[in-house]
Amino acid sequence: MGFGDTAKKIQTLADKAERTYQKINELRSEVEETQTTVLDTSKRVQRLENEMAEQRAVLDAVAEEVGVDLESVSTEAHITDAEEVAAAEGGIADDGGRGDAESDGAGTGADESAGDAER
């Protein structure tokens, strides 16, 4: 009986080892795929950053030719956004629990999203 139990334990151990080996190989494959994805994403991000820099240079050149001060336009846009955020936050705190759409900032989500998309 001792040999039967030992053989059974050895077989159970061998089965567990085989499952562990398969799982390690699956994880290795997943890690390799993830590394490939990260490298591809990094390359895409670099291309997008280069493209954005080129577009910025074109925009700067056009703005200079037309006589638009991009720095002041950008500053004003940031100020306007900050004022809108402050007004929305102030409205939430100061609505006195009324829950009005105007005072709780509920109607500003789409406007802010559109502003973010333009940047």
C-alpha atoms as a PDB file:
ATOM      1  CA  MET A   1       0.000   0.000   0.000  1.00  0.00           C
ATOM      2  CA  GLY A   2       2.843   2.385   0.697  1.00  0.00           C
ATOM      3  CA  PHE A   3       4.059   2.239  -2.899  1.00  0.00           C
ATOM      4  CA  GLY A   4       0.557   2.946  -4.266  1.00  0.00           C
ATOM      5  CA  ASP A   5       0.164   6.044  -2.146  1.00  0.00           C
ATOM      6  CA  THR A   6       3.655   7.218  -3.052  1.00  0.00           C
ATOM      7  CA  ALA A   7       2.995   6.692  -6.765  1.00  0.00           C
ATOM      8  CA  LYS A   8      -0.262   8.613  -6.442  1.00  0.00           C
ATOM      9  CA  LYS A   9       1.490  11.476  -4.645  1.00  0.00           C
ATOM     10  CA  ILE A  10       4.245  11.533  -7.270  1.00  0.00           C
ATOM     11  CA  GLN A  11       1.649  11.595 -10.065  1.00  0.00           C
ATOM     12  CA  THR A  12      -0.241  14.430  -8.334  1.00  0.00           C
ATOM     13  CA  LEU A  13       3.015  16.340  -7.941  1.00  0.00           C
ATOM     14  CA  ALA A  14       3.911  15.742 -11.600  1.00  0.00           C
ATOM     15  CA  ASP A  15       0.457  16.975 -12.697  1.00  0.00           C
ATOM     16  CA  LYS A  16       0.821  20.122 -10.616  1.00  0.00           C
ATOM     17  CA  ALA A  17       4.315  20.698 -12.007  1.00  0.00           C
ATOM     18  CA  GLU A  18       2.982  20.328 -15.577  1.00  0.00           C
ATOM     19  CA  ARG A  19       0.147  22.814 -14.913  1.00  0.00           C
ATOM     20  CA  THR A  20       2.627  25.225 -13.317  1.00  0.00           C
ATOM     21  CA  TYR A  21       4.972  24.902 -16.301  1.00  0.00           C
ATOM     22  CA  GLN A  22       2.100  25.590 -18.729  1.00  0.00           C
ATOM     23  CA  LYS A  23       0.997  28.603 -16.697  1.00  0.00           C
ATOM     24  CA  ILE A  24       4.558  29.979 -16.615  1.00  0.00           C
ATOM     25  CA  ASN A  25       4.756  29.636 -20.409  1.00  0.00           C
ATOM     26  CA  GLU A  26       1.405  31.406 -20.798  1.00  0.00           C
ATOM     27  CA  LEU A  27       2.587  34.222 -18.537  1.00  0.00           C
ATOM     28  CA  ARG A  28       5.877  34.458 -20.446  1.00  0.00           C
ATOM     29  CA  SER A  29       3.930  34.847 -23.695  1.00  0.00           C
ATOM     30  CA  GLU A  30       1.676  37.498 -22.150  1.00  0.00           C
ATOM     31  CA  VAL A  31       4.706  39.432 -20.880  1.00  0.00           C
ATOM     32  CA  GLU A  32       6.318  39.304 -24.338  1.00  0.00           C
ATOM     33  CA  GLU A  33       3.072  40.534 -25.938  1.00  0.00           C
ATOM     34  CA  THR A  34       2.835  43.316 -23.372  1.00  0.00           C
ATOM     35  CA  GLN A  35       6.428  44.360 -24.025  1.00  0.00           C
ATOM     36  CA  THR A  36       5.734  44.445 -27.764  1.00  0.00           C
ATOM     37  CA  THR A  37       2.608  46.517 -27.191  1.00  0.00           C
ATOM     38  CA  VAL A  38       4.486  48.950 -24.950  1.00  0.00           C
ATOM     39  CA  LEU A  39       7.238  49.382 -27.549  1.00  0.00           C
ATOM     40  CA  ASP A  40       4.685  49.906 -30.341  1.00  0.00           C
ATOM     41  CA  THR A  41       2.784  52.414 -28.214  1.00  0.00           C
ATOM     42  CA  SER A  42       5.983  54.250 -27.384  1.00  0.00           C
ATOM     43  CA  LYS A  43       6.832  54.543 -31.076  1.00  0.00           C
ATOM     44  CA  ARG A  44       3.322  55.818 -31.846  1.00  0.00           C
ATOM     45  CA  VAL A  45       3.493  58.369 -29.048  1.00  0.00           C
ATOM     46  CA  GLN A  46       6.859  59.581 -30.312  1.00  0.00           C
ATOM     47  CA  ARG A  47       5.474  59.966 -33.849  1.00  0.00           C
ATOM     48  CA  LEU A  48       2.445  61.867 -32.510  1.00  0.00           C
ATOM     49  CA  GLU A  49       4.665  64.146 -30.429  1.00  0.00           C
ATOM     50  CA  ASN A  50       6.822  64.868 -33.487  1.00  0.00           C
ATOM     51  CA  GLU A  51       3.740  65.537 -35.593  1.00  0.00           C
ATOM     52  CA  MET A  52       2.328  67.823 -32.916  1.00  0.00           C
ATOM     53  CA  ALA A  53       5.614  69.753 -32.757  1.00  0.00           C
ATOM     54  CA  GLU A  54       5.512  70.176 -36.534  1.00  0.00           C
ATOM     55  CA  GLN A  55       1.919  71.385 -36.379  1.00  0.00           C
ATOM     56  CA  ARG A  56       2.827  73.788 -33.593  1.00  0.00           C
ATOM     57  CA  ALA A  57       5.648  75.195 -35.711  1.00  0.00           C
ATOM     58  CA  VAL A  58       3.266  75.703 -38.645  1.00  0.00           C
ATOM     59  CA  LEU A  59       0.698  77.310 -36.342  1.00  0.00           C
ATOM     60  CA  ASP A  60       3.338  79.631 -34.896  1.00  0.00           C
ATOM     61  CA  ALA A  61       4.460  80.645 -38.387  1.00  0.00           C
ATOM     62  CA  VAL A  62       0.901  81.306 -39.564  1.00  0.00           C
ATOM     63  CA  ALA A  63       0.056  83.222 -36.389  1.00  0.00           C
ATOM     64  CA  GLU A  64       3.175  85.351 -36.737  1.00  0.00           C
ATOM     65  CA  GLU A  65       2.345  86.077 -40.374  1.00  0.00           C
ATOM     66  CA  VAL A  66      -1.225  87.046 -39.504  1.00  0.00           C
ATOM     67  CA  GLY A  67      -0.112  89.034 -36.465  1.00  0.00           C
ATOM     68  CA  VAL A  68      -1.708  86.910 -33.728  1.00  0.00           C
ATOM     69  CA  ASP A  69       0.087  86.631 -30.388  1.00  0.00           C
ATOM     70  CA  LEU A  70      -0.375  82.927 -29.561  1.00  0.00           C
ATOM     71  CA  GLU A  71       0.975  83.337 -26.047  1.00  0.00           C
ATOM     72  CA  SER A  72      -1.675  85.907 -25.115  1.00  0.00           C
ATOM     73  CA  VAL A  73      -4.407  83.820 -26.785  1.00  0.00           C
ATOM     74  CA  SER A  74      -3.277  80.754 -24.844  1.00  0.00           C
ATOM     75  CA  THR A  75      -3.090  82.730 -21.595  1.00  0.00           C
ATOM     76  CA  GLU A  76      -6.595  84.109 -22.083  1.00  0.00           C
ATOM     77  CA  ALA A  77      -7.945  80.634 -22.838  1.00  0.00           C
ATOM     78  CA  HIS A  78      -6.413  79.272 -19.623  1.00  0.00           C
ATOM     79  CA  ILE A  79      -7.802  82.176 -17.614  1.00  0.00           C
ATOM     80  CA  THR A  80     -11.272  81.634 -19.086  1.00  0.00           C
ATOM     81  CA  ASP A  81     -11.114  77.915 -18.288  1.00  0.00           C
ATOM     82  CA  ALA A  82      -9.978  78.631 -14.725  1.00  0.00           C
ATOM     83  CA  GLU A  83     -12.791  81.135 -14.243  1.00  0.00           C
ATOM     84  CA  GLU A  84     -15.365  78.634 -15.517  1.00  0.00           C
ATOM     85  CA  VAL A  85     -14.038  75.935 -13.194  1.00  0.00           C
ATOM     86  CA  ALA A  86     -14.019  78.337 -10.253  1.00  0.00           C
ATOM     87  CA  ALA A  87     -17.576  79.444 -11.052  1.00  0.00           C
ATOM     88  CA  ALA A  88     -18.730  75.831 -11.290  1.00  0.00           C
ATOM     89  CA  GLU A  89     -17.049  74.905  -7.994  1.00  0.00           C
ATOM     90  CA  GLY A  90     -18.394  78.013  -6.311  1.00  0.00           C
ATOM     91  CA  GLY A  91     -21.871  77.190  -7.613  1.00  0.00           C
ATOM     92  CA  ILE A  92     -21.748  73.741  -6.077  1.00  0.00           C
ATOM     93  CA  ALA A  93     -20.694  75.081  -2.699  1.00  0.00           C
ATOM     94  CA  ASP A  94     -23.048  78.076  -2.705  1.00  0.00           C
ATOM     95  CA  ASP A  95     -26.315  76.564  -3.975  1.00  0.00           C
ATOM     96  CA  GLY A  96     -27.616  76.138  -0.442  1.00  0.00           C
ATOM     97  CA  GLY A  97     -28.722  72.582  -1.155  1.00  0.00           C
ATOM     98  CA  ARG A  98     -31.206  73.678  -3.841  1.00  0.00           C
ATOM     99  CA  GLY A  99     -29.616  71.438  -6.464  1.00  0.00           C
ATOM    100  CA  ASP A 100     -30.440  73.800  -9.374  1.00  0.00           C
ATOM    101  CA  ALA A 101     -28.801  72.899 -12.676  1.00  0.00           C
ATOM    102  CA  GLU A 102     -27.301  76.385 -12.895  1.00  0.00           C
ATOM    103  CA  SER A 103     -25.889  76.435  -9.400  1.00  0.00           C
ATOM    104  CA  ASP A 104     -24.565  72.876  -9.209  1.00  0.00           C
ATOM    105  CA  GLY A 105     -22.549  72.941 -12.399  1.00  0.00           C
ATOM    106  CA  ALA A 106     -24.513  70.063 -13.950  1.00  0.00           C
ATOM    107  CA  GLY A 107     -24.912  71.841 -17.259  1.00  0.00           C
ATOM    108  CA  THR A 108     -21.204  72.596 -17.717  1.00  0.00           C
ATOM    109  CA  GLY A 109     -19.826  69.117 -18.423  1.00  0.00           C
ATOM    110  CA  ALA A 110     -20.317  69.212 -22.180  1.00  0.00           C
ATOM    111  CA  ASP A 111     -18.894  72.710 -22.447  1.00  0.00           C
ATOM    112  CA  GLU A 112     -15.778  71.724 -20.509  1.00  0.00           C
ATOM    113  CA  SER A 113     -15.334  68.541 -22.557  1.00  0.00           C
ATOM    114  CA  ALA A 114     -15.592  70.536 -25.759  1.00  0.00           C
ATOM    115  CA  GLY A 115     -13.001  72.971 -24.434  1.00  0.00           C
ATOM    116  CA  ASP A 116     -10.680  70.098 -23.555  1.00  0.00           C
ATOM    117  CA  ALA A 117     -11.061  68.605 -27.025  1.00  0.00           C
ATOM    118  CA  GLU A 118     -10.030  71.899 -28.634  1.00  0.00           C
ATOM    119  CA  ARG A 119      -6.749  71.933 -26.693  1.00  0.00           C
END
